[in-house]
N, C-alpha and C. Protein backbone atom coordinates (compact mmCIF):
# COMPACT_ATOMS: atom_id res chain seq x y z
N MET A 1 -146.70 -149.54 146.17
CA MET A 1 -145.55 -149.64 147.05
C MET A 1 -145.95 -150.44 148.29
N LEU A 2 -145.09 -151.38 148.68
CA LEU A 2 -145.35 -152.21 149.85
C LEU A 2 -144.83 -151.53 151.11
N TRP A 3 -145.58 -151.62 152.15
CA TRP A 3 -145.18 -151.10 153.43
C TRP A 3 -144.31 -152.14 154.10
N THR A 4 -143.08 -151.81 154.45
CA THR A 4 -142.17 -152.78 155.04
C THR A 4 -141.82 -152.46 156.48
N GLY A 5 -141.99 -151.24 156.89
CA GLY A 5 -141.60 -150.87 158.24
C GLY A 5 -142.66 -151.19 159.26
N GLY A 6 -142.27 -151.78 160.37
CA GLY A 6 -143.23 -152.12 161.40
C GLY A 6 -143.31 -151.05 162.47
N GLY A 7 -142.23 -150.34 162.64
CA GLY A 7 -142.21 -149.29 163.67
C GLY A 7 -142.22 -149.88 165.06
N ALA A 8 -141.74 -149.18 166.01
CA ALA A 8 -141.72 -149.56 167.43
C ALA A 8 -141.17 -150.96 167.65
N GLY A 9 -140.14 -151.34 166.87
CA GLY A 9 -139.49 -152.63 167.09
C GLY A 9 -140.22 -153.82 166.48
N ARG A 10 -141.30 -153.56 165.77
CA ARG A 10 -142.03 -154.67 165.14
C ARG A 10 -141.57 -154.84 163.69
N PRO A 11 -141.48 -156.08 163.21
CA PRO A 11 -141.08 -156.27 161.81
C PRO A 11 -142.21 -155.83 160.89
N GLY A 12 -141.85 -155.41 159.69
CA GLY A 12 -142.84 -155.03 158.69
C GLY A 12 -143.46 -156.28 158.06
N VAL A 13 -144.33 -156.04 157.11
CA VAL A 13 -145.03 -157.14 156.45
C VAL A 13 -144.06 -158.08 155.77
N LEU A 14 -143.09 -157.54 155.04
CA LEU A 14 -142.13 -158.41 154.35
C LEU A 14 -141.28 -159.18 155.36
N GLY A 15 -140.96 -158.57 156.48
CA GLY A 15 -140.20 -159.26 157.51
C GLY A 15 -140.97 -160.44 158.07
N LEU A 16 -142.27 -160.28 158.28
CA LEU A 16 -143.09 -161.38 158.79
C LEU A 16 -143.17 -162.53 157.80
N VAL A 17 -143.31 -162.19 156.53
CA VAL A 17 -143.37 -163.22 155.49
C VAL A 17 -142.05 -163.98 155.43
N ALA A 18 -140.94 -163.26 155.46
CA ALA A 18 -139.63 -163.90 155.41
C ALA A 18 -139.41 -164.78 156.64
N ASP A 19 -139.82 -164.31 157.83
CA ASP A 19 -139.68 -165.11 159.04
C ASP A 19 -140.51 -166.39 158.95
N ALA A 20 -141.72 -166.29 158.45
CA ALA A 20 -142.59 -167.47 158.31
C ALA A 20 -141.98 -168.46 157.33
N ALA A 21 -141.40 -167.98 156.24
CA ALA A 21 -140.78 -168.86 155.26
C ALA A 21 -139.59 -169.59 155.87
N ARG A 22 -138.78 -168.86 156.67
CA ARG A 22 -137.63 -169.49 157.32
C ARG A 22 -138.09 -170.55 158.32
N GLN A 23 -139.16 -170.28 159.06
CA GLN A 23 -139.65 -171.24 160.05
C GLN A 23 -140.22 -172.48 159.39
N ASN A 24 -140.81 -172.33 158.20
CA ASN A 24 -141.45 -173.46 157.54
C ASN A 24 -140.49 -174.34 156.76
N ARG A 25 -139.26 -173.90 156.57
CA ARG A 25 -138.30 -174.74 155.85
C ARG A 25 -138.08 -176.03 156.63
N GLY A 26 -138.08 -177.12 155.92
CA GLY A 26 -137.84 -178.41 156.56
C GLY A 26 -139.10 -179.04 157.12
N ILE A 27 -140.18 -178.29 157.21
CA ILE A 27 -141.44 -178.86 157.69
C ILE A 27 -142.14 -179.47 156.50
N VAL A 28 -142.51 -180.71 156.63
CA VAL A 28 -143.18 -181.41 155.54
C VAL A 28 -144.65 -181.53 155.88
N MET A 29 -145.48 -181.18 154.93
CA MET A 29 -146.93 -181.29 155.14
C MET A 29 -147.30 -182.75 155.31
N PRO A 30 -148.30 -183.05 156.14
CA PRO A 30 -148.72 -184.43 156.30
C PRO A 30 -149.12 -185.02 154.97
N GLY A 31 -148.62 -186.22 154.71
CA GLY A 31 -148.97 -186.89 153.48
C GLY A 31 -148.05 -186.55 152.32
N ALA A 32 -147.13 -185.62 152.50
CA ALA A 32 -146.27 -185.21 151.39
C ALA A 32 -144.99 -186.04 151.33
N SER A 33 -144.69 -186.83 152.32
CA SER A 33 -143.47 -187.61 152.31
C SER A 33 -143.78 -189.10 152.27
N GLN A 34 -143.20 -189.84 153.19
CA GLN A 34 -143.41 -191.29 153.21
C GLN A 34 -144.87 -191.64 153.45
N ASP A 35 -145.57 -190.83 154.24
CA ASP A 35 -146.97 -191.11 154.52
C ASP A 35 -147.80 -191.14 153.25
N ARG A 36 -147.43 -190.32 152.29
CA ARG A 36 -148.20 -190.26 151.05
C ARG A 36 -148.14 -191.60 150.33
N GLY A 37 -146.95 -192.20 150.26
CA GLY A 37 -146.83 -193.50 149.61
C GLY A 37 -147.66 -194.56 150.31
N THR A 38 -147.69 -194.51 151.64
CA THR A 38 -148.48 -195.46 152.41
C THR A 38 -149.97 -195.25 152.17
N ARG A 39 -150.39 -194.00 152.16
CA ARG A 39 -151.81 -193.70 151.94
C ARG A 39 -152.23 -194.11 150.55
N GLU A 40 -151.36 -193.88 149.54
CA GLU A 40 -151.72 -194.22 148.18
C GLU A 40 -151.82 -195.73 148.01
N ARG A 41 -150.97 -196.49 148.69
CA ARG A 41 -151.03 -197.95 148.60
C ARG A 41 -152.24 -198.50 149.33
N ASP A 42 -152.79 -197.73 150.24
CA ASP A 42 -153.97 -198.16 150.97
C ASP A 42 -155.20 -198.15 150.07
N LYS A 43 -155.16 -197.37 149.01
CA LYS A 43 -156.28 -197.27 148.08
C LYS A 43 -155.87 -197.80 146.72
N LEU A 44 -156.71 -198.61 146.14
CA LEU A 44 -156.42 -199.21 144.84
C LEU A 44 -157.18 -198.48 143.74
N THR A 45 -156.58 -198.40 142.57
CA THR A 45 -157.27 -197.84 141.42
C THR A 45 -158.15 -198.93 140.80
N ILE A 46 -159.06 -198.51 139.95
CA ILE A 46 -159.91 -199.46 139.25
C ILE A 46 -159.05 -200.37 138.38
N ALA A 47 -158.03 -199.80 137.73
CA ALA A 47 -157.14 -200.59 136.89
C ALA A 47 -156.44 -201.68 137.69
N GLU A 48 -156.00 -201.36 138.91
CA GLU A 48 -155.34 -202.36 139.75
C GLU A 48 -156.29 -203.48 140.14
N VAL A 49 -157.51 -203.13 140.49
CA VAL A 49 -158.50 -204.13 140.88
C VAL A 49 -158.85 -205.01 139.67
N CYS A 50 -159.06 -204.39 138.52
CA CYS A 50 -159.39 -205.15 137.32
C CYS A 50 -158.26 -206.10 136.94
N ALA A 51 -157.02 -205.63 137.03
CA ALA A 51 -155.87 -206.48 136.71
C ALA A 51 -155.79 -207.65 137.68
N ASP A 52 -156.03 -207.39 138.96
CA ASP A 52 -155.97 -208.45 139.97
C ASP A 52 -157.05 -209.50 139.73
N LEU A 53 -158.24 -209.05 139.34
CA LEU A 53 -159.35 -209.98 139.11
C LEU A 53 -159.33 -210.59 137.70
N GLY A 54 -158.57 -209.98 136.80
CA GLY A 54 -158.54 -210.45 135.43
C GLY A 54 -159.82 -210.13 134.67
N ILE A 55 -160.39 -208.96 134.95
CA ILE A 55 -161.63 -208.54 134.29
C ILE A 55 -161.40 -207.22 133.58
N SER A 56 -162.32 -206.87 132.70
CA SER A 56 -162.22 -205.58 132.01
C SER A 56 -162.84 -204.49 132.88
N ARG A 57 -162.51 -203.24 132.53
CA ARG A 57 -163.11 -202.10 133.23
C ARG A 57 -164.63 -202.12 133.03
N ARG A 58 -165.05 -202.50 131.84
CA ARG A 58 -166.48 -202.54 131.55
C ARG A 58 -167.19 -203.50 132.50
N THR A 59 -166.60 -204.67 132.72
CA THR A 59 -167.18 -205.65 133.66
C THR A 59 -167.26 -205.06 135.06
N PHE A 60 -166.18 -204.37 135.48
CA PHE A 60 -166.19 -203.77 136.81
C PHE A 60 -167.34 -202.78 136.94
N TYR A 61 -167.49 -201.91 135.94
CA TYR A 61 -168.55 -200.89 136.02
C TYR A 61 -169.94 -201.52 135.92
N GLU A 62 -170.07 -202.63 135.22
CA GLU A 62 -171.35 -203.34 135.21
C GLU A 62 -171.66 -203.90 136.59
N TRP A 63 -170.65 -204.50 137.23
CA TRP A 63 -170.83 -205.02 138.59
C TRP A 63 -171.21 -203.87 139.52
N ARG A 64 -170.54 -202.73 139.35
CA ARG A 64 -170.81 -201.58 140.22
C ARG A 64 -172.25 -201.10 140.03
N ALA A 65 -172.72 -201.06 138.81
CA ALA A 65 -174.09 -200.62 138.53
C ALA A 65 -175.11 -201.57 139.16
N LYS A 66 -174.75 -202.85 139.26
CA LYS A 66 -175.64 -203.85 139.85
C LYS A 66 -175.45 -203.98 141.36
N GLY A 67 -174.51 -203.22 141.92
CA GLY A 67 -174.26 -203.28 143.36
C GLY A 67 -173.46 -204.49 143.78
N ARG A 68 -172.71 -205.07 142.86
CA ARG A 68 -171.93 -206.29 143.16
C ARG A 68 -170.44 -206.04 143.30
N ALA A 69 -169.98 -204.83 143.04
CA ALA A 69 -168.56 -204.50 143.13
C ALA A 69 -168.23 -204.03 144.54
N PRO A 70 -166.94 -204.01 144.90
CA PRO A 70 -166.58 -203.46 146.21
C PRO A 70 -166.92 -201.97 146.28
N ARG A 71 -167.17 -201.49 147.50
CA ARG A 71 -167.51 -200.08 147.69
C ARG A 71 -166.35 -199.21 147.24
N CYS A 72 -166.67 -198.12 146.58
CA CYS A 72 -165.67 -197.20 146.02
C CYS A 72 -165.70 -195.86 146.73
N ILE A 73 -164.58 -195.17 146.64
CA ILE A 73 -164.46 -193.79 147.11
C ILE A 73 -164.37 -192.94 145.85
N THR A 74 -165.21 -191.93 145.75
CA THR A 74 -165.14 -191.01 144.61
C THR A 74 -164.31 -189.80 145.03
N LEU A 75 -163.23 -189.57 144.31
CA LEU A 75 -162.37 -188.42 144.57
C LEU A 75 -162.98 -187.16 143.97
N PRO A 76 -162.54 -185.99 144.41
CA PRO A 76 -163.11 -184.74 143.88
C PRO A 76 -163.00 -184.63 142.35
N ASN A 77 -162.00 -185.26 141.75
CA ASN A 77 -161.85 -185.17 140.29
C ASN A 77 -162.69 -186.23 139.57
N GLY A 78 -163.46 -187.02 140.32
CA GLY A 78 -164.34 -188.02 139.73
C GLY A 78 -163.72 -189.41 139.64
N SER A 79 -162.42 -189.53 139.92
CA SER A 79 -161.77 -190.84 139.89
C SER A 79 -162.27 -191.70 141.04
N LEU A 80 -162.23 -192.99 140.85
CA LEU A 80 -162.64 -193.92 141.89
C LEU A 80 -161.44 -194.61 142.50
N ARG A 81 -161.52 -194.87 143.78
CA ARG A 81 -160.51 -195.66 144.49
C ARG A 81 -161.25 -196.64 145.38
N ILE A 82 -160.56 -197.75 145.68
CA ILE A 82 -161.13 -198.77 146.55
C ILE A 82 -160.13 -199.01 147.67
N ARG A 83 -160.60 -198.90 148.90
CA ARG A 83 -159.71 -199.19 150.04
C ARG A 83 -159.28 -200.65 149.97
N ARG A 84 -158.00 -200.88 150.22
CA ARG A 84 -157.47 -202.24 150.17
C ARG A 84 -158.22 -203.15 151.15
N SER A 85 -158.54 -202.63 152.33
CA SER A 85 -159.26 -203.44 153.32
C SER A 85 -160.66 -203.79 152.82
N GLU A 86 -161.32 -202.84 152.15
CA GLU A 86 -162.65 -203.10 151.59
C GLU A 86 -162.56 -204.14 150.47
N TYR A 87 -161.54 -204.04 149.66
CA TYR A 87 -161.34 -205.01 148.57
C TYR A 87 -161.14 -206.42 149.13
N GLN A 88 -160.30 -206.53 150.16
CA GLN A 88 -160.06 -207.84 150.78
C GLN A 88 -161.31 -208.39 151.43
N ARG A 89 -162.10 -207.51 152.08
CA ARG A 89 -163.36 -207.94 152.69
C ARG A 89 -164.32 -208.42 151.61
N TRP A 90 -164.40 -207.68 150.52
CA TRP A 90 -165.28 -208.04 149.41
C TRP A 90 -164.87 -209.38 148.80
N LEU A 91 -163.56 -209.59 148.61
CA LEU A 91 -163.09 -210.87 148.08
C LEU A 91 -163.46 -212.02 149.00
N ALA A 92 -163.29 -211.81 150.31
CA ALA A 92 -163.63 -212.85 151.28
C ALA A 92 -165.12 -213.18 151.21
N SER A 93 -165.95 -212.17 151.03
CA SER A 93 -167.39 -212.42 150.95
C SER A 93 -167.75 -213.17 149.67
N ARG A 94 -166.99 -212.98 148.61
CA ARG A 94 -167.21 -213.71 147.35
C ARG A 94 -166.85 -215.18 147.54
N GLU A 95 -165.80 -215.47 148.32
CA GLU A 95 -165.40 -216.87 148.57
C GLU A 95 -166.52 -217.61 149.28
N GLU A 96 -167.10 -216.97 150.28
CA GLU A 96 -168.14 -217.61 151.06
C GLU A 96 -169.39 -217.86 150.20
N ALA A 97 -169.66 -216.95 149.27
CA ALA A 97 -170.83 -217.08 148.43
C ALA A 97 -170.66 -218.15 147.36
N ALA A 98 -169.41 -218.47 147.02
CA ALA A 98 -169.16 -219.42 145.93
C ALA A 98 -169.24 -220.83 146.38
């Protein structure tokens, strides 16, 4: 059985939970709305980079093993992402080397 009475003018446990839920309506967590789309576009997937360069995933991973690919971010699930700014910097450095 849940205790709901707060006594002495205080709300019970269920009252506090309900009040918190009412207060949180309409509040959007950071990154859950438009910001999320912006943040996701800031990071490129390996597939996007490979498509842009016209190379296979295997070639990308070979470059990465040799230290020639752009720096990657490893997500907790093991997926890789590349910051768009890092990718553009890396491309610029390839132009100068060529």
